[in-house]
């Protein structure tokens, strides 16, 4: 058995790879990366397929573990040097090179409120809504405060995908001052602060009205969707949904959920979910309905 050499396997792998990250103009961001081998590897970064020259860069630097630190993220209409696709590249001369997964860095604009909460009152047992609409990329960073304390969400008090707060089956404890907050890496931005008054449930009737109606939506197969629908009136209304001509069973379905206040959540949409949806509010005295089209596109 002449001339056979024994090859030893030398471990060389990523301990941490960068992940898709959302940052805000003017804030700092870290894209994580570290690799293991003996001897320790040389780490470099690529952006949009091109190696970054970090030696002469005063805003971007390589941290000791191999992560990329970007201070004061730059982003304007005509200058977007930081947004893009990043890869971490680790090299050991005797072993070769490994390349991390691609991570997308998205830079959001500064928070802007396109609609803000307004003072309102709600009868006990009824539903209330408070608006808070910001630029779409910042919606995940919206949270609500009641009397300057973080508001805990539950099955009764929910935040819709738009940022809107829905309080169903209102109780005395829901009264107070509300504001929404956008926290996305920079200093927090606050909406107007408004009062929600909870009125005692009376024997008198009040007109049945929609506080929020569904609007046409387009989704891609596999995405989740919420069709918003909230109504108020005395007696307190119940909400049911129909699709085309068929009543929807939200009780026993795995994918259809009736949210607090009456909005319909459909998870993991398929082409079969496309159609016209009707939200029907009924309080025994009167019935009102609203409708919206859901379009589902292929991947």
C-alpha atoms as a PDB file:
ATOM      1  CA  UNK A   1       0.000   0.000   0.000  1.00  0.00           C
ATOM      2  CA  UNK A   2       2.599   2.457  -1.174  1.00  0.00           C
ATOM      3  CA  UNK A   3       2.356   6.234  -1.374  1.00  0.00           C
ATOM      4  CA  UNK A   4      -1.019   6.576   0.309  1.00  0.00           C
ATOM      5  CA  UNK A   5      -1.325   9.807   2.277  1.00  0.00           C
ATOM      6  CA  UNK A   6      -3.719  10.138   5.157  1.00  0.00           C
ATOM      7  CA  UNK A   7      -6.112  13.081   4.650  1.00  0.00           C
ATOM      8  CA  UNK A   8      -7.395  14.668   7.792  1.00  0.00           C
ATOM      9  CA  UNK A   9     -10.675  16.493   7.728  1.00  0.00           C
ATOM     10  CA  UNK A  10     -10.326  20.071   8.945  1.00  0.00           C
ATOM     11  CA  UNK A  11     -13.553  21.661  10.167  1.00  0.00           C
ATOM     12  CA  UNK A  12     -14.347  24.989   8.439  1.00  0.00           C
ATOM     13  CA  UNK A  13     -17.892  26.355   8.714  1.00  0.00           C
ATOM     14  CA  UNK A  14     -20.056  29.355   9.574  1.00  0.00           C
ATOM     15  CA  UNK A  15     -21.071  29.736  13.222  1.00  0.00           C
ATOM     16  CA  UNK A  16     -23.368  32.653  12.373  1.00  0.00           C
ATOM     17  CA  UNK A  17     -24.635  33.904   9.013  1.00  0.00           C
ATOM     18  CA  UNK A  18     -26.273  37.247   8.237  1.00  0.00           C
ATOM     19  CA  UNK A  19     -30.091  37.468   8.115  1.00  0.00           C
ATOM     20  CA  UNK A  20     -32.478  39.837   6.313  1.00  0.00           C
ATOM     21  CA  UNK A  21     -32.487  43.076   8.270  1.00  0.00           C
ATOM     22  CA  UNK A  22     -34.597  46.238   8.308  1.00  0.00           C
ATOM     23  CA  UNK A  23     -32.937  49.452   9.329  1.00  0.00           C
ATOM     24  CA  UNK A  24     -33.856  53.126   9.369  1.00  0.00           C
ATOM     25  CA  UNK A  25     -32.035  56.015   7.757  1.00  0.00           C
ATOM     26  CA  UNK A  26     -29.534  57.565  10.179  1.00  0.00           C
ATOM     27  CA  UNK A  27     -29.403  54.592  12.564  1.00  0.00           C
ATOM     28  CA  UNK A  28     -26.652  51.986  12.821  1.00  0.00           C
ATOM     29  CA  UNK A  29     -26.937  48.325  11.895  1.00  0.00           C
ATOM     30  CA  UNK A  30     -24.928  45.102  12.351  1.00  0.00           C
ATOM     31  CA  UNK A  31     -24.968  42.195   9.899  1.00  0.00           C
ATOM     32  CA  UNK A  32     -23.727  39.207  11.898  1.00  0.00           C
ATOM     33  CA  UNK A  33     -21.149  36.726  10.648  1.00  0.00           C
ATOM     34  CA  UNK A  34     -18.538  34.455  12.151  1.00  0.00           C
ATOM     35  CA  UNK A  35     -16.786  31.347  10.869  1.00  0.00           C
ATOM     36  CA  UNK A  36     -14.823  28.577  12.572  1.00  0.00           C
ATOM     37  CA  UNK A  37     -11.567  27.008  11.470  1.00  0.00           C
ATOM     38  CA  UNK A  38      -7.977  26.464  12.634  1.00  0.00           C
ATOM     39  CA  UNK A  39      -6.208  28.685  11.631  1.00  0.00           C
ATOM     40  CA  UNK A  40      -8.910  31.347  11.945  1.00  0.00           C
ATOM     41  CA  UNK A  41     -10.327  32.516   8.611  1.00  0.00           C
ATOM     42  CA  UNK A  42     -10.052  35.869   6.897  1.00  0.00           C
ATOM     43  CA  UNK A  43     -13.506  37.465   6.639  1.00  0.00           C
ATOM     44  CA  UNK A  44     -14.609  39.779   3.845  1.00  0.00           C
ATOM     45  CA  UNK A  45     -17.995  41.127   2.787  1.00  0.00           C
ATOM     46  CA  UNK A  46     -19.694  41.401  -0.589  1.00  0.00           C
ATOM     47  CA  UNK A  47     -22.514  43.784  -1.390  1.00  0.00           C
ATOM     48  CA  UNK A  48     -24.557  43.106  -4.528  1.00  0.00           C
ATOM     49  CA  UNK A  49     -21.834  40.682  -5.651  1.00  0.00           C
ATOM     50  CA  UNK A  50     -18.889  43.086  -5.262  1.00  0.00           C
ATOM     51  CA  UNK A  51     -16.295  42.972  -2.456  1.00  0.00           C
ATOM     52  CA  UNK A  52     -16.444  45.965  -0.089  1.00  0.00           C
ATOM     53  CA  UNK A  53     -13.219  47.834   0.570  1.00  0.00           C
ATOM     54  CA  UNK A  54     -13.618  48.317   4.332  1.00  0.00           C
ATOM     55  CA  UNK A  55     -10.060  49.494   5.024  1.00  0.00           C
ATOM     56  CA  UNK A  56     -10.749  53.001   3.755  1.00  0.00           C
ATOM     57  CA  UNK A  57     -14.392  53.209   4.819  1.00  0.00           C
ATOM     58  CA  UNK A  58     -15.237  55.473   7.734  1.00  0.00           C
ATOM     59  CA  UNK A  59     -18.894  54.359   7.965  1.00  0.00           C
ATOM     60  CA  UNK A  60     -18.557  50.594   7.526  1.00  0.00           C
ATOM     61  CA  UNK A  61     -16.205  48.439   9.533  1.00  0.00           C
ATOM     62  CA  UNK A  62     -15.411  44.791  10.167  1.00  0.00           C
ATOM     63  CA  UNK A  63     -15.908  43.805  13.807  1.00  0.00           C
ATOM     64  CA  UNK A  64     -13.476  41.319  15.458  1.00  0.00           C
ATOM     65  CA  UNK A  65     -15.918  38.376  15.110  1.00  0.00           C
ATOM     66  CA  UNK A  66     -16.408  39.041  11.375  1.00  0.00           C
ATOM     67  CA  UNK A  67     -19.697  40.967  11.579  1.00  0.00           C
ATOM     68  CA  UNK A  68     -20.233  44.078   9.481  1.00  0.00           C
ATOM     69  CA  UNK A  69     -21.071  47.302  11.333  1.00  0.00           C
ATOM     70  CA  UNK A  70     -22.616  50.197   9.415  1.00  0.00           C
ATOM     71  CA  UNK A  71     -22.944  53.471  11.306  1.00  0.00           C
ATOM     72  CA  UNK A  72     -25.332  56.225  10.229  1.00  0.00           C
ATOM     73  CA  UNK A  73     -27.171  54.370   7.434  1.00  0.00           C
ATOM     74  CA  UNK A  74     -27.470  56.565   4.327  1.00  0.00           C
ATOM     75  CA  UNK A  75     -30.635  56.515   2.241  1.00  0.00           C
ATOM     76  CA  UNK A  76     -32.180  59.115  -0.025  1.00  0.00           C
ATOM     77  CA  UNK A  77     -34.154  59.126  -3.255  1.00  0.00           C
ATOM     78  CA  UNK A  78     -31.029  59.236  -5.432  1.00  0.00           C
ATOM     79  CA  UNK A  79     -28.420  57.767  -3.087  1.00  0.00           C
ATOM     80  CA  UNK A  80     -28.921  54.313  -1.546  1.00  0.00           C
ATOM     81  CA  UNK A  81     -25.394  53.028  -0.845  1.00  0.00           C
ATOM     82  CA  UNK A  82     -26.383  50.762   2.062  1.00  0.00           C
ATOM     83  CA  UNK A  83     -29.556  49.038   0.882  1.00  0.00           C
ATOM     84  CA  UNK A  84     -28.891  45.805  -0.989  1.00  0.00           C
ATOM     85  CA  UNK A  85     -27.795  42.169  -0.785  1.00  0.00           C
ATOM     86  CA  UNK A  86     -24.879  41.190   1.470  1.00  0.00           C
ATOM     87  CA  UNK A  87     -22.759  38.039   1.758  1.00  0.00           C
ATOM     88  CA  UNK A  88     -20.019  37.165   4.194  1.00  0.00           C
ATOM     89  CA  UNK A  89     -16.994  35.421   2.626  1.00  0.00           C
ATOM     90  CA  UNK A  90     -14.568  33.404   4.793  1.00  0.00           C
ATOM     91  CA  UNK A  91     -11.205  32.247   3.441  1.00  0.00           C
ATOM     92  CA  UNK A  92      -8.484  29.955   4.802  1.00  0.00           C
ATOM     93  CA  UNK A  93      -5.572  29.612   2.376  1.00  0.00           C
ATOM     94  CA  UNK A  94      -5.034  25.910   2.898  1.00  0.00           C
ATOM     95  CA  UNK A  95      -8.770  25.085   2.836  1.00  0.00           C
ATOM     96  CA  UNK A  96     -10.377  27.517   0.387  1.00  0.00           C
ATOM     97  CA  UNK A  97     -13.384  29.805   0.664  1.00  0.00           C
ATOM     98  CA  UNK A  98     -16.941  29.499   1.981  1.00  0.00           C
ATOM     99  CA  UNK A  99     -19.708  32.001   1.212  1.00  0.00           C
ATOM    100  CA  UNK A 100     -22.651  32.722   3.530  1.00  0.00           C
ATOM    101  CA  UNK A 101     -26.286  32.940   2.593  1.00  0.00           C
ATOM    102  CA  UNK A 102     -27.403  36.229   1.035  1.00  0.00           C
ATOM    103  CA  UNK A 103     -28.996  38.701   3.440  1.00  0.00           C
ATOM    104  CA  UNK A 104     -31.065  41.652   2.290  1.00  0.00           C
ATOM    105  CA  UNK A 105     -30.643  44.984   4.055  1.00  0.00           C
ATOM    106  CA  UNK A 106     -33.731  47.142   3.579  1.00  0.00           C
ATOM    107  CA  UNK A 107     -33.698  50.764   4.669  1.00  0.00           C
ATOM    108  CA  UNK A 108     -37.036  52.236   5.730  1.00  0.00           C
ATOM    109  CA  UNK A 109     -37.818  55.915   5.497  1.00  0.00           C
ATOM    110  CA  UNK A 110     -38.412  57.992   8.597  1.00  0.00           C
ATOM    111  CA  UNK A 111     -41.755  57.238  10.252  1.00  0.00           C
ATOM    112  CA  UNK A 112     -44.670  59.209   8.792  1.00  0.00           C
ATOM    113  CA  UNK A 113     -48.226  58.905  10.077  1.00  0.00           C
ATOM    114  CA  UNK A 114     -50.727  58.825   7.217  1.00  0.00           C
ATOM    115  CA  UNK A 115     -53.595  58.530   9.682  1.00  0.00           C
ATOM    116  CA  UNK A 116     -53.689  59.079  13.421  1.00  0.00           C
ATOM    117  CA  UNK A 117     -56.042  58.057  16.218  1.00  0.00           C
ATOM    118  CA  UNK A 118     -59.020  60.323  16.951  1.00  0.00           C
ATOM    119  CA  UNK A 119     -60.899  60.843  20.225  1.00  0.00           C
ATOM    120  CA  UNK A 120     -63.874  58.488  20.421  1.00  0.00           C
ATOM    121  CA  UNK A 121     -66.399  56.897  22.740  1.00  0.00           C
ATOM    122  CA  UNK A 122     -67.690  53.340  22.909  1.00  0.00           C
ATOM    123  CA  UNK A 123     -70.591  51.689  24.728  1.00  0.00           C
ATOM    124  CA  UNK A 124     -69.550  48.959  27.161  1.00  0.00           C
ATOM    125  CA  UNK A 125     -69.674  45.623  25.344  1.00  0.00           C
ATOM    126  CA  UNK A 126     -69.237  47.252  21.949  1.00  0.00           C
ATOM    127  CA  UNK A 127     -66.159  47.567  19.715  1.00  0.00           C
ATOM    128  CA  UNK A 128     -63.881  50.565  19.169  1.00  0.00           C
ATOM    129  CA  UNK A 129     -61.118  51.264  16.661  1.00  0.00           C
ATOM    130  CA  UNK A 130     -58.145  53.626  16.811  1.00  0.00           C
ATOM    131  CA  UNK A 131     -56.269  54.365  13.590  1.00  0.00           C
ATOM    132  CA  UNK A 132     -52.517  54.409  13.197  1.00  0.00           C
ATOM    133  CA  UNK A 133     -51.209  54.154   9.659  1.00  0.00           C
ATOM    134  CA  UNK A 134     -47.513  54.535   8.876  1.00  0.00           C
ATOM    135  CA  UNK A 135     -45.344  53.809   5.833  1.00  0.00           C
ATOM    136  CA  UNK A 136     -45.834  50.095   5.063  1.00  0.00           C
ATOM    137  CA  UNK A 137     -42.262  49.007   5.842  1.00  0.00           C
ATOM    138  CA  UNK A 138     -42.617  50.293   9.412  1.00  0.00           C
ATOM    139  CA  UNK A 139     -45.922  48.592  10.318  1.00  0.00           C
ATOM    140  CA  UNK A 140     -44.115  45.754  12.185  1.00  0.00           C
ATOM    141  CA  UNK A 141     -42.632  48.397  14.510  1.00  0.00           C
ATOM    142  CA  UNK A 142     -45.979  49.919  15.570  1.00  0.00           C
ATOM    143  CA  UNK A 143     -47.089  49.375  19.140  1.00  0.00           C
ATOM    144  CA  UNK A 144     -49.753  51.030  21.292  1.00  0.00           C
ATOM    145  CA  UNK A 145     -49.756  52.713  24.682  1.00  0.00           C
ATOM    146  CA  UNK A 146     -52.629  53.314  27.098  1.00  0.00           C
ATOM    147  CA  UNK A 147     -52.009  56.087  29.635  1.00  0.00           C
ATOM    148  CA  UNK A 148     -48.314  56.081  28.578  1.00  0.00           C
ATOM    149  CA  UNK A 149     -47.861  52.370  29.424  1.00  0.00           C
ATOM    150  CA  UNK A 150     -47.324  49.639  26.796  1.00  0.00           C
ATOM    151  CA  UNK A 151     -50.711  48.149  25.906  1.00  0.00           C
ATOM    152  CA  UNK A 152     -50.849  44.379  26.217  1.00  0.00           C
ATOM    153  CA  UNK A 153     -52.618  42.749  23.276  1.00  0.00           C
ATOM    154  CA  UNK A 154     -54.784  39.644  23.708  1.00  0.00           C
ATOM    155  CA  UNK A 155     -57.769  37.924  22.066  1.00  0.00           C
ATOM    156  CA  UNK A 156     -59.981  40.933  22.849  1.00  0.00           C
ATOM    157  CA  UNK A 157     -57.596  43.784  22.083  1.00  0.00           C
ATOM    158  CA  UNK A 158     -55.744  43.312  18.794  1.00  0.00           C
ATOM    159  CA  UNK A 159     -53.588  45.189  16.307  1.00  0.00           C
ATOM    160  CA  UNK A 160     -54.568  44.699  12.667  1.00  0.00           C
ATOM    161  CA  UNK A 161     -51.834  44.391   9.998  1.00  0.00           C
ATOM    162  CA  UNK A 162     -52.393  48.069   9.102  1.00  0.00           C
ATOM    163  CA  UNK A 163     -51.436  49.126  12.662  1.00  0.00           C
ATOM    164  CA  UNK A 164     -55.051  49.879  13.630  1.00  0.00           C
ATOM    165  CA  UNK A 165     -56.060  48.985  17.199  1.00  0.00           C
ATOM    166  CA  UNK A 166     -59.348  47.106  17.685  1.00  0.00           C
ATOM    167  CA  UNK A 167     -60.896  46.832  21.145  1.00  0.00           C
ATOM    168  CA  UNK A 168     -63.864  44.460  21.312  1.00  0.00           C
ATOM    169  CA  UNK A 169     -66.322  43.898  24.151  1.00  0.00           C
ATOM    170  CA  UNK A 170     -65.158  47.170  25.728  1.00  0.00           C
ATOM    171  CA  UNK A 171     -64.992  47.438  29.513  1.00  0.00           C
ATOM    172  CA  UNK A 172     -64.494  50.377  31.860  1.00  0.00           C
ATOM    173  CA  UNK A 173     -60.766  49.567  32.069  1.00  0.00           C
ATOM    174  CA  UNK A 174     -60.398  50.286  28.355  1.00  0.00           C
ATOM    175  CA  UNK A 175     -61.082  53.984  28.915  1.00  0.00           C
ATOM    176  CA  UNK A 176     -58.071  56.280  28.896  1.00  0.00           C
ATOM    177  CA  UNK A 177     -55.503  58.032  26.743  1.00  0.00           C
ATOM    178  CA  UNK A 178     -54.110  56.179  23.735  1.00  0.00           C
ATOM    179  CA  UNK A 179     -51.261  56.793  21.329  1.00  0.00           C
ATOM    180  CA  UNK A 180     -49.341  54.649  18.898  1.00  0.00           C
ATOM    181  CA  UNK A 181     -45.550  54.500  18.814  1.00  0.00           C
ATOM    182  CA  UNK A 182     -43.167  53.591  16.014  1.00  0.00           C
ATOM    183  CA  UNK A 183     -39.877  52.179  17.331  1.00  0.00           C
ATOM    184  CA  UNK A 184     -37.541  51.183  14.522  1.00  0.00           C
ATOM    185  CA  UNK A 185     -33.992  51.799  15.700  1.00  0.00           C
ATOM    186  CA  UNK A 186     -34.048  55.594  15.814  1.00  0.00           C
ATOM    187  CA  UNK A 187     -35.777  57.668  18.497  1.00  0.00           C
ATOM    188  CA  UNK A 188     -39.435  56.577  18.964  1.00  0.00           C
ATOM    189  CA  UNK A 189     -42.055  58.575  17.064  1.00  0.00           C
ATOM    190  CA  UNK A 190     -45.420  59.149  18.733  1.00  0.00           C
ATOM    191  CA  UNK A 191     -48.846  59.767  17.234  1.00  0.00           C
ATOM    192  CA  UNK A 192     -51.378  62.207  18.656  1.00  0.00           C
ATOM    193  CA  UNK A 193     -52.621  61.109  22.076  1.00  0.00           C
ATOM    194  CA  UNK A 194     -56.420  60.781  22.229  1.00  0.00           C
ATOM    195  CA  UNK A 195     -59.045  59.819  24.792  1.00  0.00           C
ATOM    196  CA  UNK A 196     -61.264  56.762  24.480  1.00  0.00           C
ATOM    197  CA  UNK A 197     -64.379  57.070  26.675  1.00  0.00           C
ATOM    198  CA  UNK A 198     -66.330  53.972  27.668  1.00  0.00           C
ATOM    199  CA  UNK A 199     -70.044  54.754  28.143  1.00  0.00           C
ATOM    200  CA  UNK A 200     -72.333  52.533  30.233  1.00  0.00           C
ATOM    201  CA  UNK A 201     -74.465  50.147  28.165  1.00  0.00           C
ATOM    202  CA  UNK A 202     -77.974  51.686  28.098  1.00  0.00           C
ATOM    203  CA  UNK A 203     -81.358  50.250  27.222  1.00  0.00           C
ATOM    204  CA  UNK A 204     -81.678  52.664  24.297  1.00  0.00           C
ATOM    205  CA  UNK A 205     -80.777  51.462  20.834  1.00  0.00           C
ATOM    206  CA  UNK A 206     -78.154  53.116  18.645  1.00  0.00           C
ATOM    207  CA  UNK A 207     -77.768  52.747  14.896  1.00  0.00           C
ATOM    208  CA  UNK A 208     -75.779  49.824  13.572  1.00  0.00           C
ATOM    209  CA  UNK A 209     -72.762  51.189  11.666  1.00  0.00           C
ATOM    210  CA  UNK A 210     -69.459  49.930  10.318  1.00  0.00           C
ATOM    211  CA  UNK A 211     -66.408  51.422  12.018  1.00  0.00           C
ATOM    212  CA  UNK A 212     -64.165  49.627   9.514  1.00  0.00           C
ATOM    213  CA  UNK A 213     -65.062  47.833   6.284  1.00  0.00           C
ATOM    214  CA  UNK A 214     -62.980  45.422   4.194  1.00  0.00           C
ATOM    215  CA  UNK A 215     -61.404  46.713   0.972  1.00  0.00           C
ATOM    216  CA  UNK A 216     -60.138  44.824  -2.106  1.00  0.00           C
ATOM    217  CA  UNK A 217     -56.881  42.941  -1.449  1.00  0.00           C
ATOM    218  CA  UNK A 218     -54.336  41.096  -3.575  1.00  0.00           C
ATOM    219  CA  UNK A 219     -52.231  38.316  -2.028  1.00  0.00           C
ATOM    220  CA  UNK A 220     -49.746  35.718  -3.269  1.00  0.00           C
ATOM    221  CA  UNK A 221     -50.354  31.999  -2.617  1.00  0.00           C
ATOM    222  CA  UNK A 222     -49.043  31.067   0.840  1.00  0.00           C
ATOM    223  CA  UNK A 223     -49.384  34.545   2.361  1.00  0.00           C
ATOM    224  CA  UNK A 224     -51.735  35.385   5.235  1.00  0.00           C
ATOM    225  CA  UNK A 225     -54.487  37.957   4.896  1.00  0.00           C
ATOM    226  CA  UNK A 226     -56.781  39.874   7.231  1.00  0.00           C
ATOM    227  CA  UNK A 227     -60.067  41.275   5.901  1.00  0.00           C
ATOM    228  CA  UNK A 228     -60.909  43.994   8.437  1.00  0.00           C
ATOM    229  CA  UNK A 229     -64.493  44.453   9.573  1.00  0.00           C
ATOM    230  CA  UNK A 230     -65.694  46.129  12.775  1.00  0.00           C
ATOM    231  CA  UNK A 231     -69.243  47.316  13.569  1.00  0.00           C
ATOM    232  CA  UNK A 232     -70.913  49.033  16.493  1.00  0.00           C
ATOM    233  CA  UNK A 233     -74.469  49.618  17.658  1.00  0.00           C
ATOM    234  CA  UNK A 234     -76.923  48.854  20.465  1.00  0.00           C
ATOM    235  CA  UNK A 235     -77.799  46.064  20.944  1.00  0.00           C
ATOM    236  CA  UNK A 236     -74.193  44.916  20.340  1.00  0.00           C
ATOM    237  CA  UNK A 237     -73.900  43.320  16.890  1.00  0.00           C
ATOM    238  CA  UNK A 238     -72.490  39.931  15.978  1.00  0.00           C
ATOM    239  CA  UNK A 239     -70.471  39.526  12.776  1.00  0.00           C
ATOM    240  CA  UNK A 240     -70.582  36.650  10.305  1.00  0.00           C
ATOM    241  CA  UNK A 241     -68.784  36.180   6.989  1.00  0.00           C
ATOM    242  CA  UNK A 242     -69.840  34.765   3.647  1.00  0.00           C
ATOM    243  CA  UNK A 243     -67.738  34.011   0.577  1.00  0.00           C
ATOM    244  CA  UNK A 244     -69.567  34.313  -2.726  1.00  0.00           C
ATOM    245  CA  UNK A 245     -72.926  32.741  -1.679  1.00  0.00           C
ATOM    246  CA  UNK A 246     -71.602  30.485   1.050  1.00  0.00           C
ATOM    247  CA  UNK A 247     -71.518  31.010   4.847  1.00  0.00           C
ATOM    248  CA  UNK A 248     -67.983  30.600   6.253  1.00  0.00           C
ATOM    249  CA  UNK A 249     -67.484  28.327   9.247  1.00  0.00           C
ATOM    250  CA  UNK A 250     -64.819  30.088  11.325  1.00  0.00           C
ATOM    251  CA  UNK A 251     -65.510  27.843  14.338  1.00  0.00           C
ATOM    252  CA  UNK A 252     -64.104  24.584  12.990  1.00  0.00           C
ATOM    253  CA  UNK A 253     -61.701  25.787  10.282  1.00  0.00           C
ATOM    254  CA  UNK A 254     -57.947  25.511  10.776  1.00  0.00           C
ATOM    255  CA  UNK A 255     -57.188  28.419   8.433  1.00  0.00           C
ATOM    256  CA  UNK A 256     -60.107  30.822   8.993  1.00  0.00           C
ATOM    257  CA  UNK A 257     -60.185  32.767  12.245  1.00  0.00           C
ATOM    258  CA  UNK A 258     -62.698  35.385  13.371  1.00  0.00           C
ATOM    259  CA  UNK A 259     -60.619  38.012  15.158  1.00  0.00           C
ATOM    260  CA  UNK A 260     -61.746  40.331  17.961  1.00  0.00           C
ATOM    261  CA  UNK A 261     -64.279  42.823  16.638  1.00  0.00           C
ATOM    262  CA  UNK A 262     -65.156  40.682  13.610  1.00  0.00           C
ATOM    263  CA  UNK A 263     -62.235  40.822  11.175  1.00  0.00           C
ATOM    264  CA  UNK A 264     -61.498  37.646   9.208  1.00  0.00           C
ATOM    265  CA  UNK A 265     -57.994  36.163   9.119  1.00  0.00           C
ATOM    266  CA  UNK A 266     -57.119  33.610   6.435  1.00  0.00           C
ATOM    267  CA  UNK A 267     -53.736  31.924   6.818  1.00  0.00           C
ATOM    268  CA  UNK A 268     -51.711  30.364   4.004  1.00  0.00           C
ATOM    269  CA  UNK A 269     -54.030  31.498   1.185  1.00  0.00           C
ATOM    270  CA  UNK A 270     -54.658  29.279  -1.838  1.00  0.00           C
ATOM    271  CA  UNK A 271     -56.207  30.046  -5.224  1.00  0.00           C
ATOM    272  CA  UNK A 272     -59.470  28.606  -3.886  1.00  0.00           C
ATOM    273  CA  UNK A 273     -59.662  31.468  -1.363  1.00  0.00           C
ATOM    274  CA  UNK A 274     -60.091  34.056  -4.133  1.00  0.00           C
ATOM    275  CA  UNK A 275     -63.584  35.515  -4.383  1.00  0.00           C
ATOM    276  CA  UNK A 276     -65.994  38.086  -2.961  1.00  0.00           C
ATOM    277  CA  UNK A 277     -66.242  38.199   0.827  1.00  0.00           C
ATOM    278  CA  UNK A 278     -69.255  39.631   2.665  1.00  0.00           C
ATOM    279  CA  UNK A 279     -69.077  40.874   6.249  1.00  0.00           C
ATOM    280  CA  UNK A 280     -72.569  40.808   7.783  1.00  0.00           C
ATOM    281  CA  UNK A 281     -73.310  42.614  11.057  1.00  0.00           C
ATOM    282  CA  UNK A 282     -76.590  41.849  12.831  1.00  0.00           C
ATOM    283  CA  UNK A 283     -77.870  43.054  16.188  1.00  0.00           C
ATOM    284  CA  UNK A 284     -81.410  41.664  16.110  1.00  0.00           C
ATOM    285  CA  UNK A 285     -82.890  45.022  15.086  1.00  0.00           C
ATOM    286  CA  UNK A 286     -81.099  45.520  11.795  1.00  0.00           C
ATOM    287  CA  UNK A 287     -78.523  43.968   9.474  1.00  0.00           C
ATOM    288  CA  UNK A 288     -75.812  45.681   7.442  1.00  0.00           C
ATOM    289  CA  UNK A 289     -73.271  44.180   5.087  1.00  0.00           C
ATOM    290  CA  UNK A 290     -70.013  45.161   3.390  1.00  0.00           C
ATOM    291  CA  UNK A 291     -68.101  43.304   0.712  1.00  0.00           C
ATOM    292  CA  UNK A 292     -64.602  43.112  -0.764  1.00  0.00           C
ATOM    293  CA  UNK A 293     -62.803  41.112  -3.412  1.00  0.00           C
ATOM    294  CA  UNK A 294     -59.790  38.951  -2.542  1.00  0.00           C
ATOM    295  CA  UNK A 295     -57.506  38.216  -5.499  1.00  0.00           C
ATOM    296  CA  UNK A 296     -54.903  35.453  -5.145  1.00  0.00           C
ATOM    297  CA  UNK A 297     -51.907  35.359  -7.475  1.00  0.00           C
ATOM    298  CA  UNK A 298     -49.524  32.471  -8.218  1.00  0.00           C
ATOM    299  CA  UNK A 299     -45.924  32.614  -7.008  1.00  0.00           C
END
